[in-house]
Amino acid sequence: MSGLSLGGPAPDFTLRDQFGQEVTLSSYRGRKSVALLFFPFAFSGVCTGELSGIRDRLEEFLTFDTEVVGISCDPVFAMRAFADRDGLNFPLLSDFWPHGEVTRAYEVFDDERGCPRRSSYVVDRDGVVRWAVHNAMPQGRDLDEHLLRLREATSWSGAV
């Protein structure tokens, strides 16, 4: 990460969720921390497992006044079908057009594949990046460890 750093401001954005509603990161400022989960592709095996794991543990994040938001470069319609199929009951945001603009701002866009690299950030209530992790394709125990670390980070950030 060259321009984006822990302790620095999170790039603000407005993207559409799976219902076509605009979601703006700064709208949470002063109210909630935000866990941003960048994922490569809806309907892929690893992404389905990761986001289903978040769905199953969503209450743990909400306990710490943390909004969980998934971000991919898939179009809104794909995000809606993905959310409906897997019961994903948190915002899935489409960074489809301009393609990958937000993903690039967070320095996780994979130019070769045209999608986000699997990465997570916690943005505190003041809009500051407090935690980040960049992963390969987690599976099994790696996924459980990633979700545990993310939950721990949100509990710490929620107290800020």
N, C-alpha and C. Protein backbone atom coordinates (compact mmCIF):
# COMPACT_ATOMS: atom_id res chain seq x y z
N MET A 1 0.84 -1.17 0.00
CA MET A 1 0.00 0.00 0.00
C MET A 1 0.89 1.24 0.00
N SER A 2 0.81 2.02 -1.03
CA SER A 2 1.66 3.20 -1.09
C SER A 2 0.97 4.45 -0.56
N GLY A 3 -0.25 4.77 -0.99
CA GLY A 3 -0.92 5.98 -0.57
C GLY A 3 -1.90 5.76 0.56
N LEU A 4 -2.36 4.55 0.75
CA LEU A 4 -3.35 4.21 1.77
C LEU A 4 -2.61 3.59 2.95
N SER A 5 -2.80 4.15 4.15
CA SER A 5 -2.05 3.61 5.28
C SER A 5 -2.92 3.52 6.52
N LEU A 6 -2.53 2.62 7.40
CA LEU A 6 -3.21 2.49 8.68
C LEU A 6 -3.05 3.81 9.42
N GLY A 7 -4.13 4.26 10.02
CA GLY A 7 -4.11 5.53 10.74
C GLY A 7 -4.43 6.72 9.85
N GLY A 8 -4.56 6.48 8.55
CA GLY A 8 -4.88 7.54 7.61
C GLY A 8 -6.36 7.51 7.24
N PRO A 9 -6.80 8.54 6.53
CA PRO A 9 -8.22 8.58 6.15
C PRO A 9 -8.57 7.52 5.11
N ALA A 10 -9.76 6.96 5.27
CA ALA A 10 -10.27 5.99 4.29
C ALA A 10 -10.84 6.77 3.11
N PRO A 11 -10.51 6.38 1.89
CA PRO A 11 -11.11 7.05 0.73
C PRO A 11 -12.63 6.92 0.78
N ASP A 12 -13.31 8.05 0.65
CA ASP A 12 -14.77 8.03 0.66
C ASP A 12 -15.27 7.55 -0.69
N PHE A 13 -16.46 7.02 -0.72
CA PHE A 13 -17.06 6.55 -1.98
C PHE A 13 -18.56 6.47 -1.84
N THR A 14 -19.21 6.42 -2.96
CA THR A 14 -20.63 6.11 -3.06
C THR A 14 -20.78 5.05 -4.14
N LEU A 15 -21.35 3.91 -3.77
CA LEU A 15 -21.60 2.81 -4.70
C LEU A 15 -23.03 2.32 -4.51
N ARG A 16 -23.54 1.61 -5.49
CA ARG A 16 -24.89 1.03 -5.40
C ARG A 16 -24.81 -0.38 -4.81
N ASP A 17 -25.79 -0.66 -3.95
CA ASP A 17 -25.85 -1.99 -3.35
C ASP A 17 -26.68 -2.94 -4.23
N GLN A 18 -26.92 -4.13 -3.75
CA GLN A 18 -27.63 -5.15 -4.53
C GLN A 18 -29.07 -4.77 -4.82
N PHE A 19 -29.59 -3.74 -4.16
CA PHE A 19 -30.95 -3.27 -4.41
C PHE A 19 -30.98 -2.00 -5.25
N GLY A 20 -29.80 -1.55 -5.69
CA GLY A 20 -29.70 -0.34 -6.49
C GLY A 20 -29.66 0.94 -5.67
N GLN A 21 -29.61 0.82 -4.35
CA GLN A 21 -29.56 1.98 -3.47
C GLN A 21 -28.12 2.45 -3.28
N GLU A 22 -27.93 3.76 -3.25
CA GLU A 22 -26.59 4.30 -3.04
C GLU A 22 -26.18 4.16 -1.58
N VAL A 23 -24.94 3.74 -1.38
CA VAL A 23 -24.34 3.63 -0.06
C VAL A 23 -23.07 4.47 -0.08
N THR A 24 -22.97 5.39 0.87
CA THR A 24 -21.80 6.27 0.97
C THR A 24 -21.06 5.96 2.25
N LEU A 25 -19.77 5.70 2.14
CA LEU A 25 -18.97 5.34 3.31
C LEU A 25 -19.07 6.41 4.40
N SER A 26 -18.94 7.68 4.04
CA SER A 26 -18.93 8.74 5.05
C SER A 26 -20.27 8.89 5.78
N SER A 27 -21.33 8.26 5.28
CA SER A 27 -22.62 8.35 5.97
C SER A 27 -22.60 7.61 7.31
N TYR A 28 -21.62 6.73 7.51
CA TYR A 28 -21.48 6.00 8.77
C TYR A 28 -20.65 6.77 9.79
N ARG A 29 -19.97 7.82 9.34
CA ARG A 29 -19.07 8.57 10.21
C ARG A 29 -19.81 9.08 11.45
N GLY A 30 -19.18 8.89 12.59
CA GLY A 30 -19.76 9.31 13.86
C GLY A 30 -20.77 8.33 14.43
N ARG A 31 -21.15 7.29 13.66
CA ARG A 31 -22.17 6.34 14.11
C ARG A 31 -21.67 4.92 14.25
N LYS A 32 -20.93 4.46 13.23
CA LYS A 32 -20.52 3.06 13.18
C LYS A 32 -19.14 2.93 12.56
N SER A 33 -18.46 1.87 12.94
CA SER A 33 -17.29 1.44 12.19
C SER A 33 -17.78 0.66 10.99
N VAL A 34 -16.94 0.50 9.98
CA VAL A 34 -17.33 -0.24 8.78
C VAL A 34 -16.25 -1.25 8.45
N ALA A 35 -16.66 -2.49 8.27
CA ALA A 35 -15.77 -3.54 7.78
C ALA A 35 -15.99 -3.64 6.27
N LEU A 36 -14.98 -3.29 5.48
CA LEU A 36 -15.04 -3.36 4.03
C LEU A 36 -14.40 -4.66 3.59
N LEU A 37 -15.15 -5.50 2.89
CA LEU A 37 -14.66 -6.80 2.43
C LEU A 37 -14.62 -6.78 0.90
N PHE A 38 -13.44 -6.66 0.33
CA PHE A 38 -13.28 -6.70 -1.11
C PHE A 38 -13.17 -8.16 -1.53
N PHE A 39 -13.99 -8.56 -2.50
CA PHE A 39 -13.95 -9.95 -2.95
C PHE A 39 -13.96 -9.99 -4.48
N PRO A 40 -13.28 -10.98 -5.07
CA PRO A 40 -13.12 -11.01 -6.53
C PRO A 40 -14.42 -11.18 -7.31
N PHE A 41 -15.16 -12.26 -7.09
CA PHE A 41 -16.28 -12.57 -7.96
C PHE A 41 -17.45 -13.19 -7.21
N ALA A 42 -18.65 -12.67 -7.45
CA ALA A 42 -19.86 -13.32 -6.95
C ALA A 42 -19.96 -14.72 -7.55
N PHE A 43 -20.52 -15.63 -6.81
CA PHE A 43 -20.77 -17.01 -7.22
C PHE A 43 -19.52 -17.89 -7.28
N SER A 44 -18.34 -17.34 -7.03
CA SER A 44 -17.16 -18.21 -7.00
C SER A 44 -17.14 -18.95 -5.67
N GLY A 45 -16.54 -20.12 -5.65
CA GLY A 45 -16.56 -20.97 -4.46
C GLY A 45 -16.02 -20.32 -3.21
N VAL A 46 -14.84 -19.71 -3.31
CA VAL A 46 -14.21 -19.12 -2.13
C VAL A 46 -15.00 -17.90 -1.66
N CYS A 47 -15.43 -17.06 -2.58
CA CYS A 47 -16.21 -15.87 -2.20
C CYS A 47 -17.52 -16.27 -1.55
N THR A 48 -18.16 -17.29 -2.07
CA THR A 48 -19.40 -17.78 -1.48
C THR A 48 -19.14 -18.25 -0.05
N GLY A 49 -18.07 -19.00 0.15
CA GLY A 49 -17.74 -19.48 1.49
C GLY A 49 -17.42 -18.35 2.44
N GLU A 50 -16.64 -17.39 1.98
CA GLU A 50 -16.26 -16.27 2.84
C GLU A 50 -17.47 -15.43 3.23
N LEU A 51 -18.28 -15.05 2.26
CA LEU A 51 -19.42 -14.18 2.56
C LEU A 51 -20.52 -14.92 3.32
N SER A 52 -20.66 -16.22 3.10
CA SER A 52 -21.60 -17.01 3.90
C SER A 52 -21.12 -17.09 5.35
N GLY A 53 -19.81 -17.17 5.53
CA GLY A 53 -19.25 -17.15 6.88
C GLY A 53 -19.54 -15.83 7.59
N ILE A 54 -19.44 -14.73 6.86
CA ILE A 54 -19.79 -13.43 7.43
C ILE A 54 -21.28 -13.41 7.77
N ARG A 55 -22.12 -13.87 6.84
CA ARG A 55 -23.57 -13.92 7.10
C ARG A 55 -23.87 -14.69 8.38
N ASP A 56 -23.21 -15.82 8.57
CA ASP A 56 -23.47 -16.66 9.73
C ASP A 56 -22.98 -16.02 11.03
N ARG A 57 -22.05 -15.08 10.93
CA ARG A 57 -21.49 -14.43 12.12
C ARG A 57 -21.83 -12.94 12.18
N LEU A 58 -22.80 -12.51 11.41
CA LEU A 58 -23.11 -11.09 11.29
C LEU A 58 -23.43 -10.45 12.65
N GLU A 59 -24.12 -11.18 13.52
CA GLU A 59 -24.47 -10.63 14.83
C GLU A 59 -23.24 -10.23 15.63
N GLU A 60 -22.14 -10.95 15.45
CA GLU A 60 -20.91 -10.61 16.17
C GLU A 60 -20.41 -9.23 15.77
N PHE A 61 -20.55 -8.88 14.50
CA PHE A 61 -20.12 -7.57 14.03
C PHE A 61 -21.08 -6.48 14.49
N LEU A 62 -22.38 -6.77 14.42
CA LEU A 62 -23.38 -5.78 14.81
C LEU A 62 -23.29 -5.44 16.28
N THR A 63 -22.84 -6.40 17.10
CA THR A 63 -22.67 -6.17 18.53
C THR A 63 -21.71 -5.01 18.78
N PHE A 64 -20.76 -4.82 17.89
CA PHE A 64 -19.76 -3.77 18.06
C PHE A 64 -20.07 -2.55 17.20
N ASP A 65 -21.35 -2.34 16.85
CA ASP A 65 -21.76 -1.20 16.02
C ASP A 65 -20.90 -1.09 14.77
N THR A 66 -20.79 -2.21 14.08
CA THR A 66 -19.99 -2.26 12.85
C THR A 66 -20.88 -2.67 11.69
N GLU A 67 -20.86 -1.88 10.63
CA GLU A 67 -21.56 -2.23 9.39
C GLU A 67 -20.61 -3.08 8.55
N VAL A 68 -21.09 -4.18 8.04
CA VAL A 68 -20.31 -5.05 7.16
C VAL A 68 -20.74 -4.78 5.74
N VAL A 69 -19.77 -4.52 4.86
CA VAL A 69 -20.05 -4.17 3.47
C VAL A 69 -19.12 -4.98 2.57
N GLY A 70 -19.68 -5.72 1.62
CA GLY A 70 -18.90 -6.42 0.62
C GLY A 70 -18.77 -5.56 -0.63
N ILE A 71 -17.62 -5.60 -1.27
CA ILE A 71 -17.39 -4.81 -2.49
C ILE A 71 -16.74 -5.69 -3.55
N SER A 72 -17.33 -5.69 -4.74
CA SER A 72 -16.80 -6.42 -5.88
C SER A 72 -17.03 -5.58 -7.13
N CYS A 73 -16.37 -5.93 -8.20
CA CYS A 73 -16.56 -5.24 -9.48
C CYS A 73 -17.68 -5.86 -10.31
N ASP A 74 -18.40 -6.79 -9.74
CA ASP A 74 -19.55 -7.39 -10.42
C ASP A 74 -20.66 -6.34 -10.55
N PRO A 75 -21.52 -6.46 -11.57
CA PRO A 75 -22.65 -5.52 -11.70
C PRO A 75 -23.69 -5.71 -10.60
N VAL A 76 -24.50 -4.68 -10.38
CA VAL A 76 -25.53 -4.69 -9.35
C VAL A 76 -26.43 -5.92 -9.49
N PHE A 77 -26.82 -6.27 -10.71
CA PHE A 77 -27.75 -7.39 -10.90
C PHE A 77 -27.13 -8.72 -10.47
N ALA A 78 -25.83 -8.89 -10.70
CA ALA A 78 -25.15 -10.10 -10.23
C ALA A 78 -25.09 -10.12 -8.71
N MET A 79 -24.86 -8.95 -8.12
CA MET A 79 -24.81 -8.87 -6.65
C MET A 79 -26.17 -9.25 -6.06
N ARG A 80 -27.24 -8.79 -6.69
CA ARG A 80 -28.58 -9.10 -6.19
C ARG A 80 -28.86 -10.61 -6.26
N ALA A 81 -28.54 -11.21 -7.39
CA ALA A 81 -28.76 -12.65 -7.54
C ALA A 81 -27.91 -13.44 -6.55
N PHE A 82 -26.68 -13.02 -6.35
CA PHE A 82 -25.77 -13.66 -5.40
C PHE A 82 -26.32 -13.55 -3.99
N ALA A 83 -26.73 -12.34 -3.58
CA ALA A 83 -27.28 -12.13 -2.24
C ALA A 83 -28.55 -12.94 -2.03
N ASP A 84 -29.43 -12.96 -3.02
CA ASP A 84 -30.68 -13.71 -2.91
C ASP A 84 -30.41 -15.21 -2.80
N ARG A 85 -29.53 -15.71 -3.64
CA ARG A 85 -29.26 -17.16 -3.64
C ARG A 85 -28.68 -17.63 -2.31
N ASP A 86 -27.77 -16.82 -1.73
CA ASP A 86 -27.06 -17.27 -0.53
C ASP A 86 -27.54 -16.60 0.76
N GLY A 87 -28.63 -15.83 0.69
CA GLY A 87 -29.16 -15.20 1.89
C GLY A 87 -28.20 -14.20 2.52
N LEU A 88 -27.46 -13.49 1.70
CA LEU A 88 -26.49 -12.51 2.21
C LEU A 88 -27.25 -11.24 2.57
N ASN A 89 -27.39 -11.00 3.85
CA ASN A 89 -28.25 -9.93 4.34
C ASN A 89 -27.47 -8.71 4.83
N PHE A 90 -26.45 -8.36 4.11
CA PHE A 90 -25.68 -7.15 4.37
C PHE A 90 -25.38 -6.54 3.00
N PRO A 91 -25.02 -5.25 2.96
CA PRO A 91 -24.81 -4.60 1.66
C PRO A 91 -23.68 -5.22 0.84
N LEU A 92 -23.98 -5.52 -0.41
CA LEU A 92 -22.98 -5.92 -1.39
C LEU A 92 -22.93 -4.79 -2.41
N LEU A 93 -21.80 -4.13 -2.51
CA LEU A 93 -21.68 -2.95 -3.35
C LEU A 93 -20.97 -3.27 -4.66
N SER A 94 -21.48 -2.67 -5.72
CA SER A 94 -20.95 -2.89 -7.06
C SER A 94 -20.01 -1.75 -7.45
N ASP A 95 -18.76 -2.11 -7.68
CA ASP A 95 -17.73 -1.18 -8.16
C ASP A 95 -17.53 -1.41 -9.66
N PHE A 96 -18.66 -1.63 -10.34
CA PHE A 96 -18.62 -2.02 -11.75
C PHE A 96 -18.23 -0.88 -12.68
N TRP A 97 -18.79 0.31 -12.43
CA TRP A 97 -18.49 1.43 -13.34
C TRP A 97 -18.40 2.73 -12.58
N PRO A 98 -17.39 3.55 -12.81
CA PRO A 98 -16.21 3.22 -13.60
C PRO A 98 -15.50 2.01 -12.98
N HIS A 99 -15.18 1.07 -13.82
CA HIS A 99 -14.73 -0.26 -13.40
C HIS A 99 -13.57 -0.20 -12.41
N GLY A 100 -13.85 -0.60 -11.18
CA GLY A 100 -12.82 -0.72 -10.16
C GLY A 100 -12.32 0.58 -9.57
N GLU A 101 -13.05 1.66 -9.73
CA GLU A 101 -12.58 2.96 -9.24
C GLU A 101 -12.34 2.95 -7.72
N VAL A 102 -13.28 2.43 -6.95
CA VAL A 102 -13.11 2.38 -5.50
C VAL A 102 -12.05 1.35 -5.13
N THR A 103 -12.09 0.23 -5.79
CA THR A 103 -11.10 -0.82 -5.54
C THR A 103 -9.69 -0.30 -5.78
N ARG A 104 -9.51 0.51 -6.80
CA ARG A 104 -8.21 1.13 -7.06
C ARG A 104 -7.84 2.12 -5.96
N ALA A 105 -8.83 2.88 -5.46
CA ALA A 105 -8.57 3.84 -4.39
C ALA A 105 -8.07 3.13 -3.13
N TYR A 106 -8.51 1.90 -2.93
CA TYR A 106 -8.07 1.10 -1.78
C TYR A 106 -6.86 0.24 -2.14
N GLU A 107 -6.34 0.42 -3.34
CA GLU A 107 -5.11 -0.23 -3.81
C GLU A 107 -5.18 -1.75 -3.79
N VAL A 108 -6.35 -2.30 -4.14
CA VAL A 108 -6.52 -3.75 -4.17
C VAL A 108 -7.03 -4.25 -5.52
N PHE A 109 -6.99 -3.41 -6.56
CA PHE A 109 -7.46 -3.84 -7.87
C PHE A 109 -6.40 -4.67 -8.56
N ASP A 110 -6.78 -5.83 -9.05
CA ASP A 110 -5.88 -6.71 -9.79
C ASP A 110 -6.09 -6.42 -11.28
N ASP A 111 -5.14 -5.70 -11.89
CA ASP A 111 -5.26 -5.31 -13.29
C ASP A 111 -5.33 -6.51 -14.23
N GLU A 112 -4.63 -7.55 -13.90
CA GLU A 112 -4.60 -8.73 -14.77
C GLU A 112 -5.95 -9.45 -14.80
N ARG A 113 -6.59 -9.57 -13.65
CA ARG A 113 -7.87 -10.28 -13.56
C ARG A 113 -9.09 -9.36 -13.67
N GLY A 114 -8.88 -8.05 -13.49
CA GLY A 114 -9.98 -7.10 -13.59
C GLY A 114 -10.94 -7.14 -12.43
N CYS A 115 -10.42 -7.47 -11.24
CA CYS A 115 -11.26 -7.62 -10.05
C CYS A 115 -10.47 -7.23 -8.81
N PRO A 116 -11.17 -7.09 -7.68
CA PRO A 116 -10.44 -6.81 -6.44
C PRO A 116 -9.65 -8.03 -5.98
N ARG A 117 -8.52 -7.77 -5.35
CA ARG A 117 -7.84 -8.83 -4.61
C ARG A 117 -8.60 -9.00 -3.30
N ARG A 118 -8.58 -10.18 -2.76
CA ARG A 118 -9.29 -10.49 -1.53
C ARG A 118 -8.63 -9.71 -0.38
N SER A 119 -9.32 -8.68 0.10
CA SER A 119 -8.77 -7.78 1.12
C SER A 119 -9.89 -7.29 2.02
N SER A 120 -9.51 -6.95 3.25
CA SER A 120 -10.48 -6.41 4.21
C SER A 120 -9.87 -5.22 4.92
N TYR A 121 -10.73 -4.25 5.20
CA TYR A 121 -10.34 -3.05 5.95
C TYR A 121 -11.37 -2.81 7.04
N VAL A 122 -10.93 -2.25 8.15
CA VAL A 122 -11.83 -1.72 9.16
C VAL A 122 -11.61 -0.23 9.21
N VAL A 123 -12.70 0.51 8.99
CA VAL A 123 -12.69 1.97 9.05
C VAL A 123 -13.45 2.35 10.32
N ASP A 124 -12.80 3.13 11.19
CA ASP A 124 -13.45 3.47 12.46
C ASP A 124 -14.51 4.56 12.28
N ARG A 125 -15.13 4.93 13.36
CA ARG A 125 -16.23 5.91 13.32
C ARG A 125 -15.79 7.29 12.84
N ASP A 126 -14.49 7.54 12.89
CA ASP A 126 -13.96 8.83 12.44
C ASP A 126 -13.52 8.80 10.98
N GLY A 127 -13.71 7.66 10.31
CA GLY A 127 -13.31 7.54 8.91
C GLY A 127 -11.84 7.23 8.71
N VAL A 128 -11.21 6.66 9.74
CA VAL A 128 -9.78 6.34 9.71
C VAL A 128 -9.60 4.83 9.52
N VAL A 129 -8.67 4.45 8.65
CA VAL A 129 -8.36 3.03 8.43
C VAL A 129 -7.59 2.53 9.66
N ARG A 130 -8.18 1.58 10.37
CA ARG A 130 -7.57 1.05 11.59
C ARG A 130 -6.98 -0.34 11.44
N TRP A 131 -7.39 -1.06 10.40
CA TRP A 131 -6.93 -2.44 10.25
C TRP A 131 -7.07 -2.83 8.80
N ALA A 132 -6.13 -3.61 8.31
CA ALA A 132 -6.21 -4.10 6.93
C ALA A 132 -5.53 -5.46 6.85
N VAL A 133 -6.06 -6.30 5.97
CA VAL A 133 -5.42 -7.58 5.68
C VAL A 133 -5.68 -7.89 4.21
N HIS A 134 -4.66 -8.45 3.57
CA HIS A 134 -4.75 -8.83 2.16
C HIS A 134 -4.43 -10.31 2.09
N ASN A 135 -5.36 -11.08 1.54
CA ASN A 135 -5.26 -12.54 1.53
C ASN A 135 -5.22 -13.11 0.13
N ALA A 136 -4.66 -14.29 0.07
CA ALA A 136 -4.83 -15.13 -1.12
C ALA A 136 -6.23 -15.71 -1.02
N MET A 137 -6.50 -16.76 -1.71
CA MET A 137 -7.81 -17.40 -1.65
C MET A 137 -7.91 -18.25 -0.39
N PRO A 138 -8.52 -17.71 0.71
CA PRO A 138 -8.59 -18.49 1.94
C PRO A 138 -9.56 -19.65 1.81
N GLN A 139 -9.23 -20.73 2.47
CA GLN A 139 -10.10 -21.89 2.46
C GLN A 139 -10.05 -22.56 3.82
N GLY A 140 -11.13 -23.16 4.21
CA GLY A 140 -11.18 -23.95 5.44
C GLY A 140 -10.73 -23.17 6.66
N ARG A 141 -9.68 -23.66 7.34
CA ARG A 141 -9.19 -23.03 8.56
C ARG A 141 -8.70 -21.62 8.29
N ASP A 142 -8.13 -21.37 7.10
CA ASP A 142 -7.68 -20.02 6.78
C ASP A 142 -8.85 -19.04 6.81
N LEU A 143 -10.00 -19.47 6.31
CA LEU A 143 -11.19 -18.62 6.32
C LEU A 143 -11.63 -18.35 7.75
N ASP A 144 -11.67 -19.39 8.60
CA ASP A 144 -12.06 -19.20 9.99
C ASP A 144 -11.12 -18.23 10.69
N GLU A 145 -9.84 -18.35 10.45
CA GLU A 145 -8.85 -17.46 11.06
C GLU A 145 -9.06 -16.03 10.58
N HIS A 146 -9.31 -15.85 9.29
CA HIS A 146 -9.55 -14.51 8.73
C HIS A 146 -10.78 -13.88 9.36
N LEU A 147 -11.88 -14.62 9.48
CA LEU A 147 -13.10 -14.08 10.07
C LEU A 147 -12.91 -13.74 11.54
N LEU A 148 -12.16 -14.55 12.26
CA LEU A 148 -11.88 -14.27 13.66
C LEU A 148 -11.06 -12.98 13.79
N ARG A 149 -10.03 -12.83 12.97
CA ARG A 149 -9.21 -11.62 13.01
C ARG A 149 -10.02 -10.39 12.64
N LEU A 150 -10.92 -10.52 11.68
CA LEU A 150 -11.76 -9.39 11.28
C LEU A 150 -12.71 -9.01 12.42
N ARG A 151 -13.33 -9.99 13.07
CA ARG A 151 -14.23 -9.70 14.18
C ARG A 151 -13.48 -9.03 15.33
N GLU A 152 -12.27 -9.52 15.64
CA GLU A 152 -11.48 -8.91 16.70
C GLU A 152 -11.14 -7.46 16.36
N ALA A 153 -10.82 -7.21 15.12
CA ALA A 153 -10.48 -5.86 14.69
C ALA A 153 -11.68 -4.93 14.80
N THR A 154 -12.87 -5.42 14.49
CA THR A 154 -14.05 -4.56 14.58
C THR A 154 -14.41 -4.29 16.03
N SER A 155 -14.17 -5.24 16.92
CA SER A 155 -14.48 -5.00 18.33
C SER A 155 -13.55 -3.94 18.89
N TRP A 156 -12.30 -3.95 18.49
CA TRP A 156 -11.36 -2.93 18.93
C TRP A 156 -11.71 -1.59 18.32
N SER A 157 -12.01 -1.56 17.03
CA SER A 157 -12.31 -0.33 16.34
C SER A 157 -13.62 0.27 16.83
N GLY A 158 -14.59 -0.57 17.18
CA GLY A 158 -15.88 -0.07 17.64
C GLY A 158 -15.77 0.68 18.95
N ALA A 159 -14.72 0.42 19.70
CA ALA A 159 -14.55 1.10 20.98
C ALA A 159 -13.87 2.46 20.81
N VAL A 160 -13.41 2.77 19.62
CA VAL A 160 -12.70 4.05 19.39
C VAL A 160 -13.66 5.21 19.47
